[in-house]
Amino acid sequence: MTTDVLAENKTKFDDLFDWNIANLRVYKTKTEVEVDTVSVLENLLKQQREVEKMYIAAQNLEQRHEFQQAIIDKLTQIKIKEDAEAALERSQLIDTAVANVYKSFTEDTGPLREAALVNAISLLGTDGSTTLEDDPVKKLFVKEFQ
């Protein structure tokens, strides 16, 4: 229930309580019984009503906070799942590219293997970096990722 509904129900209860007190006062006056109303009790009743309204409002804030935290947790779970799916997709793309490059080398009858061997021999004794034009393996990977 929202705070407004709870407050409205509390107001209805208070109005009914006040109506009952008024009826009791009418009954007392009809039966000519003198009963003094103590103002301290009326003040306490007013204070109690105010405190109960504030308590209901505080509970509503706690519920909103819990609901907000549940939404944040759910969104975090969705983000983690999406990140995992993206990582899996990236990994599958890379695995497919590597498999296709291996397949190109296994199905090749000579020119690709010869170019890769010449490139590997030319890299001996260097830092291992090559340009795209010189490296047939790099060319195949670029072709796969395009």
C-alpha atoms as a PDB file:
ATOM      1  CA  MET A   1       0.000   0.000   0.000  1.00  0.00           C
ATOM      2  CA  THR A   2       1.172   3.488  -0.646  1.00  0.00           C
ATOM      3  CA  THR A   3       1.541   6.136   2.004  1.00  0.00           C
ATOM      4  CA  ASP A   4      -1.453   8.045   0.663  1.00  0.00           C
ATOM      5  CA  VAL A   5      -3.753   5.023   0.974  1.00  0.00           C
ATOM      6  CA  LEU A   6      -2.504   4.241   4.461  1.00  0.00           C
ATOM      7  CA  ALA A   7      -2.868   7.860   5.510  1.00  0.00           C
ATOM      8  CA  GLU A   8      -6.365   7.969   4.041  1.00  0.00           C
ATOM      9  CA  ASN A   9      -7.337   4.816   5.953  1.00  0.00           C
ATOM     10  CA  LYS A  10      -5.878   6.302   9.122  1.00  0.00           C
ATOM     11  CA  THR A  11      -7.860   9.514   8.559  1.00  0.00           C
ATOM     12  CA  LYS A  12     -11.059   7.490   8.065  1.00  0.00           C
ATOM     13  CA  PHE A  13     -10.334   5.623  11.290  1.00  0.00           C
ATOM     14  CA  ASP A  14      -9.701   8.901  13.111  1.00  0.00           C
ATOM     15  CA  ASP A  15     -12.911  10.417  11.753  1.00  0.00           C
ATOM     16  CA  LEU A  16     -14.871   7.357  12.872  1.00  0.00           C
ATOM     17  CA  PHE A  17     -13.206   7.536  16.277  1.00  0.00           C
ATOM     18  CA  ASP A  18     -14.095  11.232  16.571  1.00  0.00           C
ATOM     19  CA  TRP A  19     -17.691  10.467  15.505  1.00  0.00           C
ATOM     20  CA  ASN A  20     -17.939   7.804  18.224  1.00  0.00           C
ATOM     21  CA  ILE A  21     -16.623  10.238  20.815  1.00  0.00           C
ATOM     22  CA  ALA A  22     -19.194  12.818  19.674  1.00  0.00           C
ATOM     23  CA  ASN A  23     -21.962  10.211  19.983  1.00  0.00           C
ATOM     24  CA  LEU A  24     -20.758   9.334  23.471  1.00  0.00           C
ATOM     25  CA  ARG A  25     -20.846  13.007  24.401  1.00  0.00           C
ATOM     26  CA  VAL A  26     -24.409  13.285  23.117  1.00  0.00           C
ATOM     27  CA  TYR A  27     -25.352  10.175  25.080  1.00  0.00           C
ATOM     28  CA  LYS A  28     -23.740  11.601  28.214  1.00  0.00           C
ATOM     29  CA  THR A  29     -25.571  14.892  27.852  1.00  0.00           C
ATOM     30  CA  LYS A  30     -28.883  13.066  27.360  1.00  0.00           C
ATOM     31  CA  THR A  31     -28.338  11.020  30.453  1.00  0.00           C
ATOM     32  CA  GLU A  32     -27.159  14.144  32.288  1.00  0.00           C
ATOM     33  CA  VAL A  33     -23.892  12.624  33.376  1.00  0.00           C
ATOM     34  CA  GLU A  34     -21.189  15.225  33.718  1.00  0.00           C
ATOM     35  CA  VAL A  35     -17.821  13.941  32.459  1.00  0.00           C
ATOM     36  CA  ASP A  36     -14.934  16.307  31.960  1.00  0.00           C
ATOM     37  CA  THR A  37     -12.728  15.766  28.905  1.00  0.00           C
ATOM     38  CA  VAL A  38      -9.092  15.841  29.785  1.00  0.00           C
ATOM     39  CA  SER A  39      -7.158  18.049  27.360  1.00  0.00           C
ATOM     40  CA  VAL A  40      -3.928  16.138  28.012  1.00  0.00           C
ATOM     41  CA  LEU A  41      -5.442  12.956  26.582  1.00  0.00           C
ATOM     42  CA  GLU A  42      -6.656  14.829  23.495  1.00  0.00           C
ATOM     43  CA  ASN A  43      -3.147  16.245  22.973  1.00  0.00           C
ATOM     44  CA  LEU A  44      -1.634  12.780  23.369  1.00  0.00           C
ATOM     45  CA  LEU A  45      -4.078  11.405  20.805  1.00  0.00           C
ATOM     46  CA  LYS A  46      -3.109  14.144  18.315  1.00  0.00           C
ATOM     47  CA  GLN A  47       0.589  13.452  18.880  1.00  0.00           C
ATOM     48  CA  GLN A  48       0.034   9.719  18.444  1.00  0.00           C
ATOM     49  CA  ARG A  49      -1.730  10.309  15.125  1.00  0.00           C
ATOM     50  CA  GLU A  50       1.142  12.489  13.894  1.00  0.00           C
ATOM     51  CA  VAL A  51       3.739   9.913  14.953  1.00  0.00           C
ATOM     52  CA  GLU A  52       1.828   7.107  13.221  1.00  0.00           C
ATOM     53  CA  LYS A  53       1.670   9.116   9.985  1.00  0.00           C
ATOM     54  CA  MET A  54       5.425   9.765  10.163  1.00  0.00           C
ATOM     55  CA  TYR A  55       6.044   6.045  10.851  1.00  0.00           C
ATOM     56  CA  ILE A  56       3.997   5.057   7.805  1.00  0.00           C
ATOM     57  CA  ALA A  57       5.938   7.555   5.687  1.00  0.00           C
ATOM     58  CA  ALA A  58       9.259   6.142   6.979  1.00  0.00           C
ATOM     59  CA  GLN A  59       8.192   2.592   6.135  1.00  0.00           C
ATOM     60  CA  ASN A  60       7.275   3.715   2.636  1.00  0.00           C
ATOM     61  CA  LEU A  61      10.755   5.229   2.180  1.00  0.00           C
ATOM     62  CA  GLU A  62      12.369   1.977   3.315  1.00  0.00           C
ATOM     63  CA  GLN A  63      10.236   0.015   0.850  1.00  0.00           C
ATOM     64  CA  ARG A  64      11.177   2.383  -1.971  1.00  0.00           C
ATOM     65  CA  HIS A  65      14.850   2.048  -1.074  1.00  0.00           C
ATOM     66  CA  GLU A  66      14.611  -1.755  -1.048  1.00  0.00           C
ATOM     67  CA  PHE A  67      12.760  -1.723  -4.378  1.00  0.00           C
ATOM     68  CA  GLN A  68      15.350   0.608  -5.892  1.00  0.00           C
ATOM     69  CA  GLN A  69      18.171  -1.641  -4.672  1.00  0.00           C
ATOM     70  CA  ALA A  70      16.418  -4.697  -6.152  1.00  0.00           C
ATOM     71  CA  ILE A  71      16.180  -2.928  -9.520  1.00  0.00           C
ATOM     72  CA  ILE A  72      19.873  -1.974  -9.390  1.00  0.00           C
ATOM     73  CA  ASP A  73      20.800  -5.584  -8.550  1.00  0.00           C
ATOM     74  CA  LYS A  74      18.692  -6.892 -11.447  1.00  0.00           C
ATOM     75  CA  LEU A  75      20.233  -4.396 -13.884  1.00  0.00           C
ATOM     76  CA  THR A  76      23.700  -5.372 -12.676  1.00  0.00           C
ATOM     77  CA  GLN A  77      22.893  -9.034 -13.327  1.00  0.00           C
ATOM     78  CA  ILE A  78      21.668  -8.171 -16.829  1.00  0.00           C
ATOM     79  CA  LYS A  79      24.847  -6.166 -17.502  1.00  0.00           C
ATOM     80  CA  ILE A  80      27.038  -9.051 -16.324  1.00  0.00           C
ATOM     81  CA  LYS A  81      25.115 -11.467 -18.538  1.00  0.00           C
ATOM     82  CA  GLU A  82      25.380  -9.154 -21.565  1.00  0.00           C
ATOM     83  CA  ASP A  83      29.116  -8.684 -20.977  1.00  0.00           C
ATOM     84  CA  ALA A  84      29.585 -12.452 -20.754  1.00  0.00           C
ATOM     85  CA  GLU A  85      27.632 -12.956 -23.981  1.00  0.00           C
ATOM     86  CA  ALA A  86      29.694 -10.265 -25.751  1.00  0.00           C
ATOM     87  CA  ALA A  87      32.924 -11.872 -24.535  1.00  0.00           C
ATOM     88  CA  LEU A  88      31.733 -15.268 -25.743  1.00  0.00           C
ATOM     89  CA  GLU A  89      30.811 -13.826 -29.133  1.00  0.00           C
ATOM     90  CA  ARG A  90      34.231 -12.131 -29.409  1.00  0.00           C
ATOM     91  CA  SER A  91      35.978 -15.327 -28.428  1.00  0.00           C
ATOM     92  CA  GLN A  92      33.980 -17.347 -30.973  1.00  0.00           C
ATOM     93  CA  LEU A  93      34.804 -14.796 -33.678  1.00  0.00           C
ATOM     94  CA  ILE A  94      38.515 -15.050 -32.883  1.00  0.00           C
ATOM     95  CA  ASP A  95      38.383 -18.860 -32.727  1.00  0.00           C
ATOM     96  CA  THR A  96      36.645 -18.949 -36.115  1.00  0.00           C
ATOM     97  CA  ALA A  97      39.237 -16.599 -37.637  1.00  0.00           C
ATOM     98  CA  VAL A  98      42.120 -18.679 -36.274  1.00  0.00           C
ATOM     99  CA  ALA A  99      40.480 -21.879 -37.546  1.00  0.00           C
ATOM    100  CA  ASN A 100      40.012 -20.356 -40.997  1.00  0.00           C
ATOM    101  CA  VAL A 101      43.654 -19.208 -41.114  1.00  0.00           C
ATOM    102  CA  TYR A 102      44.807 -22.715 -40.096  1.00  0.00           C
ATOM    103  CA  LYS A 103      42.480 -24.171 -42.732  1.00  0.00           C
ATOM    104  CA  SER A 104      43.964 -21.842 -45.368  1.00  0.00           C
ATOM    105  CA  PHE A 105      47.431 -23.143 -44.529  1.00  0.00           C
ATOM    106  CA  THR A 106      46.399 -26.808 -44.482  1.00  0.00           C
ATOM    107  CA  GLU A 107      44.583 -26.542 -47.827  1.00  0.00           C
ATOM    108  CA  ASP A 108      47.363 -24.522 -49.448  1.00  0.00           C
ATOM    109  CA  THR A 109      49.501 -26.405 -51.954  1.00  0.00           C
ATOM    110  CA  GLY A 110      52.548 -24.181 -51.768  1.00  0.00           C
ATOM    111  CA  PRO A 111      52.478 -20.404 -52.375  1.00  0.00           C
ATOM    112  CA  LEU A 112      51.013 -19.436 -48.989  1.00  0.00           C
ATOM    113  CA  ARG A 113      53.237 -21.818 -47.081  1.00  0.00           C
ATOM    114  CA  GLU A 114      56.287 -20.619 -49.006  1.00  0.00           C
ATOM    115  CA  ALA A 115      55.459 -16.947 -48.288  1.00  0.00           C
ATOM    116  CA  ALA A 116      54.956 -17.695 -44.572  1.00  0.00           C
ATOM    117  CA  LEU A 117      58.236 -19.663 -44.437  1.00  0.00           C
ATOM    118  CA  VAL A 118      60.167 -16.893 -46.197  1.00  0.00           C
ATOM    119  CA  ASN A 119      58.654 -14.355 -43.788  1.00  0.00           C
ATOM    120  CA  ALA A 120      59.515 -16.506 -40.751  1.00  0.00           C
ATOM    121  CA  ILE A 121      63.116 -16.926 -41.933  1.00  0.00           C
ATOM    122  CA  SER A 122      63.440 -13.182 -42.526  1.00  0.00           C
ATOM    123  CA  LEU A 123      62.256 -12.554 -38.946  1.00  0.00           C
ATOM    124  CA  LEU A 124      65.012 -14.650 -37.384  1.00  0.00           C
ATOM    125  CA  GLY A 125      67.267 -12.435 -35.277  1.00  0.00           C
ATOM    126  CA  THR A 126      64.839  -9.486 -35.285  1.00  0.00           C
ATOM    127  CA  ASP A 127      62.196  -8.249 -32.850  1.00  0.00           C
ATOM    128  CA  GLY A 128      59.501 -10.151 -34.810  1.00  0.00           C
ATOM    129  CA  SER A 129      57.489  -7.188 -36.032  1.00  0.00           C
ATOM    130  CA  THR A 130      56.397  -7.116 -39.659  1.00  0.00           C
ATOM    131  CA  THR A 131      54.295  -4.963 -41.947  1.00  0.00           C
ATOM    132  CA  LEU A 132      51.000  -6.045 -43.395  1.00  0.00           C
ATOM    133  CA  GLU A 133      52.394  -6.240 -46.929  1.00  0.00           C
ATOM    134  CA  ASP A 134      55.197  -8.603 -45.913  1.00  0.00           C
ATOM    135  CA  ASP A 135      53.300 -10.979 -43.608  1.00  0.00           C
ATOM    136  CA  PRO A 136      50.871 -13.464 -45.248  1.00  0.00           C
ATOM    137  CA  VAL A 137      49.447 -14.511 -41.863  1.00  0.00           C
ATOM    138  CA  LYS A 138      48.544 -10.922 -41.015  1.00  0.00           C
ATOM    139  CA  LYS A 139      46.918 -10.581 -44.427  1.00  0.00           C
ATOM    140  CA  LEU A 140      44.751 -13.641 -43.755  1.00  0.00           C
ATOM    141  CA  PHE A 141      43.673 -12.350 -40.315  1.00  0.00           C
ATOM    142  CA  VAL A 142      42.820  -8.918 -41.746  1.00  0.00           C
ATOM    143  CA  LYS A 143      40.800 -10.623 -44.433  1.00  0.00           C
ATOM    144  CA  GLU A 144      38.929 -12.700 -41.817  1.00  0.00           C
ATOM    145  CA  PHE A 145      38.046  -9.711 -39.638  1.00  0.00           C
ATOM    146  CA  GLN A 146      36.777  -7.541 -42.474  1.00  0.00           C
END
